N, C-alpha and C. Protein backbone atom coordinates (compact mmCIF):
# COMPACT_ATOMS: atom_id res chain seq x y z
N MET A 1 95.73 -48.76 -31.13
CA MET A 1 97.16 -48.87 -31.32
C MET A 1 97.85 -48.33 -30.08
N ALA A 2 98.82 -49.07 -29.60
CA ALA A 2 99.55 -48.68 -28.38
C ALA A 2 100.51 -47.53 -28.69
N ARG A 3 100.66 -46.66 -27.73
CA ARG A 3 101.60 -45.56 -27.89
C ARG A 3 102.99 -46.02 -27.52
N ARG A 4 103.97 -45.55 -28.24
CA ARG A 4 105.36 -45.89 -27.94
C ARG A 4 105.88 -45.01 -26.83
N LYS A 5 106.72 -45.62 -26.00
CA LYS A 5 107.36 -44.84 -24.94
C LYS A 5 108.41 -43.94 -25.57
N PRO A 6 108.55 -42.74 -25.08
CA PRO A 6 109.59 -41.85 -25.63
C PRO A 6 110.97 -42.39 -25.30
N GLU A 7 111.90 -42.14 -26.20
CA GLU A 7 113.28 -42.56 -25.98
C GLU A 7 113.88 -41.75 -24.84
N PRO A 8 114.73 -42.37 -24.01
CA PRO A 8 115.38 -41.62 -22.93
C PRO A 8 116.18 -40.45 -23.50
N GLN A 9 116.17 -39.34 -22.78
CA GLN A 9 116.88 -38.16 -23.24
C GLN A 9 118.39 -38.40 -23.23
N GLY A 10 119.09 -37.87 -24.21
CA GLY A 10 120.54 -37.96 -24.28
C GLY A 10 121.04 -39.30 -24.78
N ASP A 11 120.15 -40.18 -25.21
CA ASP A 11 120.55 -41.49 -25.69
C ASP A 11 120.16 -41.58 -27.16
N LYS A 12 121.05 -41.18 -28.05
CA LYS A 12 120.78 -41.11 -29.48
C LYS A 12 120.60 -42.50 -30.08
N VAL A 13 119.52 -42.70 -30.83
CA VAL A 13 119.26 -43.97 -31.49
C VAL A 13 120.14 -44.06 -32.74
N LEU A 14 120.98 -45.10 -32.80
CA LEU A 14 121.87 -45.30 -33.93
C LEU A 14 121.26 -46.21 -34.98
N ALA A 15 120.49 -47.20 -34.54
CA ALA A 15 119.87 -48.14 -35.47
C ALA A 15 118.65 -48.77 -34.81
N ARG A 16 117.71 -49.20 -35.64
CA ARG A 16 116.49 -49.84 -35.16
C ARG A 16 116.27 -51.09 -36.01
N LEU A 17 115.95 -52.20 -35.35
CA LEU A 17 115.73 -53.47 -36.05
C LEU A 17 114.33 -53.96 -35.73
N ARG A 18 113.47 -53.97 -36.76
CA ARG A 18 112.09 -54.43 -36.60
C ARG A 18 111.93 -55.81 -37.21
N PRO A 19 111.10 -56.66 -36.58
CA PRO A 19 110.81 -57.95 -37.20
C PRO A 19 110.14 -57.76 -38.56
N ALA A 20 110.47 -58.62 -39.50
CA ALA A 20 109.85 -58.56 -40.83
C ALA A 20 108.43 -59.10 -40.73
N PRO A 21 107.43 -58.38 -41.26
CA PRO A 21 106.04 -58.83 -41.15
C PRO A 21 105.82 -60.24 -41.71
N ALA A 22 106.44 -60.56 -42.83
CA ALA A 22 106.25 -61.89 -43.42
C ALA A 22 106.86 -62.97 -42.52
N ARG A 23 108.06 -62.76 -42.03
CA ARG A 23 108.68 -63.74 -41.12
C ARG A 23 107.86 -63.89 -39.85
N ARG A 24 107.39 -62.79 -39.33
CA ARG A 24 106.59 -62.81 -38.10
C ARG A 24 105.33 -63.66 -38.30
N THR A 25 104.65 -63.46 -39.42
CA THR A 25 103.43 -64.21 -39.71
C THR A 25 103.73 -65.68 -39.94
N ILE A 26 104.77 -65.98 -40.70
CA ILE A 26 105.11 -67.37 -41.00
C ILE A 26 105.51 -68.13 -39.74
N VAL A 27 106.36 -67.54 -38.92
CA VAL A 27 106.81 -68.20 -37.69
C VAL A 27 105.64 -68.45 -36.76
N THR A 28 104.80 -67.46 -36.58
CA THR A 28 103.64 -67.63 -35.70
C THR A 28 102.70 -68.71 -36.23
N GLY A 29 102.45 -68.68 -37.52
CA GLY A 29 101.57 -69.68 -38.13
C GLY A 29 102.14 -71.09 -38.03
N LEU A 30 103.44 -71.24 -38.26
CA LEU A 30 104.07 -72.56 -38.15
C LEU A 30 103.98 -73.12 -36.74
N ILE A 31 104.18 -72.28 -35.75
CA ILE A 31 104.09 -72.75 -34.36
C ILE A 31 102.66 -73.20 -34.05
N ALA A 32 101.68 -72.45 -34.50
CA ALA A 32 100.28 -72.82 -34.26
C ALA A 32 99.94 -74.13 -34.97
N VAL A 33 100.39 -74.27 -36.21
CA VAL A 33 100.12 -75.49 -36.97
C VAL A 33 100.82 -76.70 -36.34
N LEU A 34 102.08 -76.53 -35.96
CA LEU A 34 102.79 -77.63 -35.31
C LEU A 34 102.13 -78.05 -34.00
N GLY A 35 101.54 -77.10 -33.30
CA GLY A 35 100.81 -77.44 -32.09
C GLY A 35 99.54 -78.21 -32.39
N ALA A 36 98.91 -77.93 -33.52
CA ALA A 36 97.64 -78.58 -33.87
C ALA A 36 97.83 -79.96 -34.50
N VAL A 37 99.01 -80.28 -34.99
CA VAL A 37 99.25 -81.57 -35.67
C VAL A 37 98.93 -82.77 -34.77
N PRO A 38 99.40 -82.82 -33.51
CA PRO A 38 99.05 -83.99 -32.68
C PRO A 38 97.55 -84.14 -32.47
N LEU A 39 96.82 -83.04 -32.36
CA LEU A 39 95.37 -83.10 -32.19
C LEU A 39 94.73 -83.68 -33.45
N ALA A 40 95.14 -83.19 -34.61
CA ALA A 40 94.59 -83.69 -35.86
C ALA A 40 94.92 -85.17 -36.05
N TRP A 41 96.13 -85.56 -35.70
CA TRP A 41 96.54 -86.97 -35.82
C TRP A 41 95.71 -87.85 -34.90
N ALA A 42 95.54 -87.42 -33.65
CA ALA A 42 94.76 -88.22 -32.69
C ALA A 42 93.31 -88.33 -33.14
N ALA A 43 92.75 -87.27 -33.67
CA ALA A 43 91.36 -87.30 -34.14
C ALA A 43 91.22 -88.19 -35.37
N ALA A 44 92.19 -88.13 -36.28
CA ALA A 44 92.13 -88.93 -37.50
C ALA A 44 92.32 -90.42 -37.23
N GLN A 45 93.08 -90.75 -36.22
CA GLN A 45 93.35 -92.16 -35.89
C GLN A 45 92.24 -92.76 -35.04
N GLY A 46 91.30 -91.95 -34.60
CA GLY A 46 90.26 -92.45 -33.72
C GLY A 46 90.82 -92.87 -32.38
N ALA A 47 91.79 -92.12 -31.90
CA ALA A 47 92.48 -92.45 -30.65
C ALA A 47 91.52 -92.35 -29.47
N GLY A 48 91.94 -92.95 -28.39
CA GLY A 48 91.13 -92.95 -27.17
C GLY A 48 91.09 -91.58 -26.53
N PRO A 49 90.34 -91.47 -25.45
CA PRO A 49 90.17 -90.16 -24.81
C PRO A 49 91.46 -89.60 -24.22
N VAL A 50 92.37 -90.47 -23.75
CA VAL A 50 93.63 -89.97 -23.19
C VAL A 50 94.49 -89.35 -24.29
N ALA A 51 94.61 -90.04 -25.42
CA ALA A 51 95.41 -89.51 -26.54
C ALA A 51 94.77 -88.24 -27.09
N LEU A 52 93.45 -88.21 -27.15
CA LEU A 52 92.76 -87.01 -27.64
C LEU A 52 92.97 -85.84 -26.68
N ALA A 53 92.92 -86.10 -25.37
CA ALA A 53 93.17 -85.05 -24.38
C ALA A 53 94.61 -84.54 -24.49
N ALA A 54 95.55 -85.46 -24.72
CA ALA A 54 96.95 -85.04 -24.90
C ALA A 54 97.08 -84.18 -26.15
N GLY A 55 96.38 -84.54 -27.22
CA GLY A 55 96.39 -83.74 -28.45
C GLY A 55 95.82 -82.36 -28.22
N VAL A 56 94.75 -82.27 -27.45
CA VAL A 56 94.15 -80.97 -27.12
C VAL A 56 95.13 -80.13 -26.30
N ALA A 57 95.81 -80.77 -25.34
CA ALA A 57 96.78 -80.05 -24.51
C ALA A 57 97.93 -79.51 -25.34
N VAL A 58 98.45 -80.33 -26.26
CA VAL A 58 99.56 -79.87 -27.11
C VAL A 58 99.09 -78.76 -28.05
N ALA A 59 97.88 -78.88 -28.58
CA ALA A 59 97.34 -77.83 -29.45
C ALA A 59 97.19 -76.52 -28.68
N ALA A 60 96.72 -76.60 -27.43
CA ALA A 60 96.57 -75.40 -26.62
C ALA A 60 97.94 -74.76 -26.35
N LEU A 61 98.94 -75.59 -26.05
CA LEU A 61 100.30 -75.06 -25.85
C LEU A 61 100.82 -74.41 -27.12
N GLY A 62 100.53 -75.00 -28.26
CA GLY A 62 100.95 -74.42 -29.54
C GLY A 62 100.33 -73.05 -29.76
N LEU A 63 99.05 -72.91 -29.42
CA LEU A 63 98.39 -71.61 -29.57
C LEU A 63 98.94 -70.58 -28.60
N VAL A 64 99.22 -71.00 -27.37
CA VAL A 64 99.81 -70.09 -26.38
C VAL A 64 101.20 -69.63 -26.86
N ALA A 65 102.00 -70.58 -27.37
CA ALA A 65 103.34 -70.23 -27.86
C ALA A 65 103.25 -69.31 -29.08
N ALA A 66 102.30 -69.57 -29.98
CA ALA A 66 102.14 -68.71 -31.16
C ALA A 66 101.74 -67.30 -30.74
N ARG A 67 100.87 -67.19 -29.76
CA ARG A 67 100.47 -65.87 -29.27
C ARG A 67 101.65 -65.14 -28.63
N ALA A 68 102.47 -65.88 -27.88
CA ALA A 68 103.65 -65.28 -27.24
C ALA A 68 104.61 -64.74 -28.29
N VAL A 69 104.84 -65.49 -29.36
CA VAL A 69 105.73 -65.03 -30.43
C VAL A 69 105.13 -63.80 -31.12
N TRP A 70 103.84 -63.84 -31.39
CA TRP A 70 103.19 -62.70 -32.06
C TRP A 70 103.32 -61.42 -31.24
N ARG A 71 103.08 -61.53 -29.93
CA ARG A 71 103.17 -60.35 -29.06
C ARG A 71 104.61 -59.87 -28.91
N ALA A 72 105.55 -60.82 -28.78
CA ALA A 72 106.95 -60.45 -28.58
C ALA A 72 107.53 -59.77 -29.81
N THR A 73 107.11 -60.20 -30.99
CA THR A 73 107.67 -59.64 -32.21
C THR A 73 106.97 -58.36 -32.66
N ALA A 74 106.09 -57.83 -31.83
CA ALA A 74 105.47 -56.54 -32.13
C ALA A 74 106.42 -55.39 -31.80
N ARG A 75 107.48 -55.70 -31.07
CA ARG A 75 108.46 -54.67 -30.67
C ARG A 75 109.67 -54.70 -31.61
N ALA A 76 110.42 -53.63 -31.57
CA ALA A 76 111.67 -53.53 -32.32
C ALA A 76 112.83 -53.48 -31.34
N LEU A 77 114.03 -53.72 -31.84
CA LEU A 77 115.24 -53.54 -31.05
C LEU A 77 115.87 -52.21 -31.44
N VAL A 78 116.42 -51.53 -30.45
CA VAL A 78 117.00 -50.21 -30.66
C VAL A 78 118.45 -50.24 -30.19
N LEU A 79 119.36 -49.81 -31.05
CA LEU A 79 120.77 -49.67 -30.69
C LEU A 79 121.05 -48.20 -30.45
N THR A 80 121.55 -47.90 -29.25
CA THR A 80 121.96 -46.53 -28.93
C THR A 80 123.47 -46.54 -28.72
N GLU A 81 124.02 -45.42 -28.35
CA GLU A 81 125.47 -45.33 -28.12
C GLU A 81 125.90 -46.17 -26.93
N THR A 82 124.98 -46.45 -26.00
CA THR A 82 125.35 -47.15 -24.77
C THR A 82 124.76 -48.54 -24.63
N GLU A 83 123.66 -48.85 -25.36
CA GLU A 83 123.01 -50.15 -25.13
C GLU A 83 122.19 -50.62 -26.32
N LEU A 84 121.91 -51.91 -26.31
CA LEU A 84 120.96 -52.53 -27.22
C LEU A 84 119.76 -52.89 -26.35
N ARG A 85 118.58 -52.38 -26.72
CA ARG A 85 117.40 -52.61 -25.89
C ARG A 85 116.18 -52.78 -26.77
N GLU A 86 115.11 -53.27 -26.13
CA GLU A 86 113.82 -53.33 -26.80
C GLU A 86 113.25 -51.93 -26.88
N GLU A 87 112.33 -51.74 -27.77
CA GLU A 87 111.70 -50.43 -27.95
C GLU A 87 111.03 -49.96 -26.66
N GLY A 88 110.51 -50.86 -25.87
CA GLY A 88 109.85 -50.49 -24.63
C GLY A 88 110.81 -50.17 -23.50
N GLY A 89 112.11 -50.40 -23.69
CA GLY A 89 113.09 -50.05 -22.68
C GLY A 89 113.83 -51.21 -22.04
N ARG A 90 113.40 -52.46 -22.26
CA ARG A 90 114.05 -53.61 -21.64
C ARG A 90 115.46 -53.79 -22.22
N LEU A 91 116.45 -53.87 -21.35
CA LEU A 91 117.84 -53.97 -21.75
C LEU A 91 118.17 -55.35 -22.30
N VAL A 92 118.82 -55.40 -23.45
CA VAL A 92 119.32 -56.65 -24.02
C VAL A 92 120.79 -56.79 -23.66
N ALA A 93 121.60 -55.76 -23.97
CA ALA A 93 123.03 -55.77 -23.64
C ALA A 93 123.56 -54.35 -23.67
N ARG A 94 124.57 -54.10 -22.85
CA ARG A 94 125.27 -52.81 -22.88
C ARG A 94 126.39 -52.90 -23.92
N VAL A 95 126.55 -51.86 -24.69
CA VAL A 95 127.57 -51.83 -25.75
C VAL A 95 128.96 -52.01 -25.15
N ALA A 96 129.22 -51.44 -24.01
CA ALA A 96 130.54 -51.55 -23.38
C ALA A 96 130.86 -52.98 -22.97
N GLU A 97 129.85 -53.81 -22.77
CA GLU A 97 130.06 -55.20 -22.36
C GLU A 97 130.27 -56.16 -23.52
N VAL A 98 130.06 -55.72 -24.75
CA VAL A 98 130.16 -56.61 -25.91
C VAL A 98 131.63 -56.90 -26.21
N ALA A 99 132.00 -58.18 -26.11
CA ALA A 99 133.37 -58.60 -26.39
C ALA A 99 133.52 -59.08 -27.84
N GLU A 100 132.46 -59.68 -28.39
CA GLU A 100 132.53 -60.22 -29.75
C GLU A 100 131.14 -60.19 -30.38
N VAL A 101 131.11 -59.93 -31.70
CA VAL A 101 129.88 -60.00 -32.48
C VAL A 101 130.07 -61.11 -33.51
N ARG A 102 129.12 -62.06 -33.55
CA ARG A 102 129.22 -63.19 -34.47
C ARG A 102 128.02 -63.20 -35.41
N HIS A 103 128.28 -63.32 -36.70
CA HIS A 103 127.20 -63.54 -37.65
C HIS A 103 127.65 -64.45 -38.77
N ALA A 104 128.65 -65.29 -38.49
CA ALA A 104 129.13 -66.27 -39.46
C ALA A 104 128.13 -67.41 -39.57
N ALA A 105 128.24 -68.17 -40.64
CA ALA A 105 127.28 -69.24 -40.92
C ALA A 105 127.23 -70.30 -39.82
N LEU A 106 128.34 -70.65 -39.22
CA LEU A 106 128.36 -71.72 -38.24
C LEU A 106 128.41 -71.25 -36.80
N SER A 107 128.07 -70.00 -36.56
CA SER A 107 128.08 -69.48 -35.18
C SER A 107 126.73 -69.74 -34.51
N LEU A 108 126.74 -69.75 -33.19
CA LEU A 108 125.52 -69.94 -32.42
C LEU A 108 124.73 -68.63 -32.42
N ARG A 109 123.67 -68.61 -33.22
CA ARG A 109 122.86 -67.40 -33.36
C ARG A 109 121.50 -67.78 -33.94
N PRO A 110 120.50 -66.94 -33.78
CA PRO A 110 119.19 -67.21 -34.39
C PRO A 110 119.25 -67.03 -35.91
N ALA A 111 118.26 -67.59 -36.60
CA ALA A 111 118.18 -67.47 -38.05
C ALA A 111 118.10 -66.01 -38.46
N GLY A 112 118.92 -65.62 -39.43
CA GLY A 112 118.90 -64.26 -39.95
C GLY A 112 119.40 -63.22 -38.98
N GLY A 113 120.01 -63.63 -37.90
CA GLY A 113 120.44 -62.67 -36.89
C GLY A 113 121.92 -62.74 -36.61
N PHE A 114 122.29 -62.41 -35.38
CA PHE A 114 123.69 -62.42 -34.98
C PHE A 114 123.79 -62.77 -33.52
N GLY A 115 124.98 -63.11 -33.10
CA GLY A 115 125.23 -63.45 -31.71
C GLY A 115 126.23 -62.50 -31.10
N LEU A 116 126.10 -62.29 -29.81
CA LEU A 116 127.03 -61.44 -29.07
C LEU A 116 127.64 -62.26 -27.94
N THR A 117 128.90 -62.02 -27.67
CA THR A 117 129.53 -62.56 -26.47
C THR A 117 129.81 -61.36 -25.58
N LEU A 118 129.32 -61.44 -24.34
CA LEU A 118 129.49 -60.34 -23.40
C LEU A 118 130.71 -60.58 -22.52
N ALA A 119 131.32 -59.50 -22.07
CA ALA A 119 132.50 -59.60 -21.21
C ALA A 119 132.13 -60.20 -19.85
N THR A 120 130.97 -59.89 -19.35
CA THR A 120 130.50 -60.46 -18.08
C THR A 120 129.14 -61.11 -18.30
N ALA A 121 128.94 -62.23 -17.66
CA ALA A 121 127.69 -62.97 -17.81
C ALA A 121 126.58 -62.31 -17.00
N GLU A 122 125.39 -62.29 -17.57
CA GLU A 122 124.21 -61.80 -16.87
C GLU A 122 123.72 -62.89 -15.94
N ALA A 123 123.22 -62.50 -14.79
CA ALA A 123 122.78 -63.47 -13.78
C ALA A 123 121.52 -64.22 -14.22
N ARG A 124 120.57 -63.51 -14.82
CA ARG A 124 119.32 -64.15 -15.21
C ARG A 124 119.22 -64.31 -16.71
N PRO A 125 118.85 -65.52 -17.17
CA PRO A 125 118.60 -65.68 -18.60
C PRO A 125 117.31 -64.94 -18.98
N ALA A 126 117.20 -64.58 -20.23
CA ALA A 126 116.00 -63.90 -20.74
C ALA A 126 115.72 -64.41 -22.15
N TRP A 127 114.45 -64.44 -22.51
CA TRP A 127 114.07 -64.92 -23.83
C TRP A 127 112.83 -64.19 -24.30
N VAL A 128 112.92 -63.57 -25.44
CA VAL A 128 111.79 -62.95 -26.11
C VAL A 128 111.65 -63.71 -27.42
N PRO A 129 110.69 -64.66 -27.49
CA PRO A 129 110.61 -65.57 -28.62
C PRO A 129 110.53 -64.85 -29.96
N GLY A 130 111.38 -65.27 -30.87
CA GLY A 130 111.40 -64.70 -32.21
C GLY A 130 112.18 -63.41 -32.34
N LEU A 131 112.71 -62.89 -31.23
CA LEU A 131 113.40 -61.60 -31.29
C LEU A 131 114.81 -61.67 -30.71
N TRP A 132 114.96 -62.13 -29.46
CA TRP A 132 116.29 -62.24 -28.87
C TRP A 132 116.25 -63.15 -27.66
N TRP A 133 117.43 -63.65 -27.27
CA TRP A 133 117.60 -64.43 -26.05
C TRP A 133 118.94 -64.11 -25.42
N ARG A 134 119.05 -64.38 -24.12
CA ARG A 134 120.32 -64.17 -23.40
C ARG A 134 120.48 -65.28 -22.37
N ILE A 135 121.60 -65.97 -22.45
CA ILE A 135 121.95 -67.00 -21.48
C ILE A 135 123.39 -66.74 -21.07
N GLY A 136 123.59 -66.39 -19.81
CA GLY A 136 124.93 -66.12 -19.31
C GLY A 136 125.56 -64.97 -20.08
N GLY A 137 126.71 -65.25 -20.69
CA GLY A 137 127.43 -64.22 -21.44
C GLY A 137 127.16 -64.26 -22.93
N ARG A 138 126.13 -64.97 -23.35
CA ARG A 138 125.79 -65.05 -24.78
C ARG A 138 124.42 -64.43 -25.03
N VAL A 139 124.33 -63.69 -26.14
CA VAL A 139 123.08 -63.07 -26.57
C VAL A 139 122.87 -63.43 -28.03
N GLY A 140 121.66 -63.82 -28.37
CA GLY A 140 121.29 -64.08 -29.76
C GLY A 140 120.19 -63.13 -30.17
N VAL A 141 120.34 -62.49 -31.30
CA VAL A 141 119.35 -61.54 -31.80
C VAL A 141 118.91 -62.01 -33.18
N GLY A 142 117.62 -62.10 -33.40
CA GLY A 142 117.11 -62.49 -34.71
C GLY A 142 115.99 -63.49 -34.60
N GLY A 143 115.75 -64.17 -35.69
CA GLY A 143 114.65 -65.13 -35.76
C GLY A 143 113.60 -64.61 -36.72
N THR A 144 112.91 -63.57 -36.34
CA THR A 144 111.90 -62.97 -37.22
C THR A 144 112.40 -61.67 -37.85
N THR A 145 113.62 -61.29 -37.55
CA THR A 145 114.16 -60.05 -38.10
C THR A 145 114.73 -60.30 -39.49
N PRO A 146 114.72 -59.28 -40.36
CA PRO A 146 115.29 -59.45 -41.69
C PRO A 146 116.80 -59.64 -41.62
N ARG A 147 117.31 -60.52 -42.46
CA ARG A 147 118.74 -60.83 -42.47
C ARG A 147 119.60 -59.59 -42.69
N GLY A 148 119.23 -58.75 -43.64
CA GLY A 148 120.00 -57.55 -43.93
C GLY A 148 120.01 -56.56 -42.77
N GLY A 149 118.87 -56.39 -42.12
CA GLY A 149 118.79 -55.49 -40.97
C GLY A 149 119.62 -55.99 -39.81
N GLY A 150 119.61 -57.31 -39.59
CA GLY A 150 120.44 -57.89 -38.54
C GLY A 150 121.91 -57.70 -38.82
N ARG A 151 122.30 -57.85 -40.07
CA ARG A 151 123.70 -57.68 -40.46
C ARG A 151 124.13 -56.23 -40.25
N LEU A 152 123.27 -55.28 -40.64
CA LEU A 152 123.60 -53.86 -40.45
C LEU A 152 123.74 -53.51 -38.98
N LEU A 153 122.84 -54.04 -38.15
CA LEU A 153 122.92 -53.75 -36.71
C LEU A 153 124.17 -54.37 -36.11
N ALA A 154 124.50 -55.60 -36.52
CA ALA A 154 125.68 -56.28 -35.99
C ALA A 154 126.97 -55.58 -36.41
N ASP A 155 126.98 -55.04 -37.62
CA ASP A 155 128.19 -54.39 -38.14
C ASP A 155 128.29 -52.92 -37.77
N HIS A 156 127.26 -52.38 -37.11
CA HIS A 156 127.27 -50.96 -36.77
C HIS A 156 128.41 -50.65 -35.79
N ARG A 157 129.20 -49.70 -36.13
CA ARG A 157 130.31 -49.28 -35.27
C ARG A 157 130.07 -47.85 -34.81
N PRO A 158 130.22 -47.60 -33.53
CA PRO A 158 130.02 -46.23 -33.06
C PRO A 158 131.07 -45.29 -33.65
N ALA A 159 130.65 -44.05 -33.82
CA ALA A 159 131.56 -43.03 -34.37
C ALA A 159 132.67 -42.75 -33.35
N PRO A 160 133.89 -42.51 -33.83
CA PRO A 160 134.97 -42.19 -32.89
C PRO A 160 134.70 -40.88 -32.16
N ARG A 161 135.14 -40.81 -30.93
CA ARG A 161 134.90 -39.60 -30.13
C ARG A 161 136.07 -38.69 -30.16
């Protein structure tokens, strides 16, 4: 079992959002199965060697994607007074930069999660499959996280100073 990095000093953890084990397993399994479907179809149809090779390639990509989701969702998201970050320390967004929090039914956000609009756009996009993504000034959090936990994190308001 890997050891967790200690939290930075002076940065109080306000909330923690962990992926739900059932969602994590289901999402990973579905990606692996969807990757294997073209291979099974090509084998069942008695397809030629090119179609079979394409099926093998897609199945391999499906397994690689499933592994990436499984590894990415082993981490939790941590909300502190100053930032939203991964448990290992990778920054998702600074609290001071958040202009809007969206978790309405028709908003652009991952399943069971919420979306953030940042005041300034980040230069580089980032994506942690099943956990969060960031493109420009938009951040999406969720996918494998429990709906209630995502709602609590999105609605968390810092205490007045």
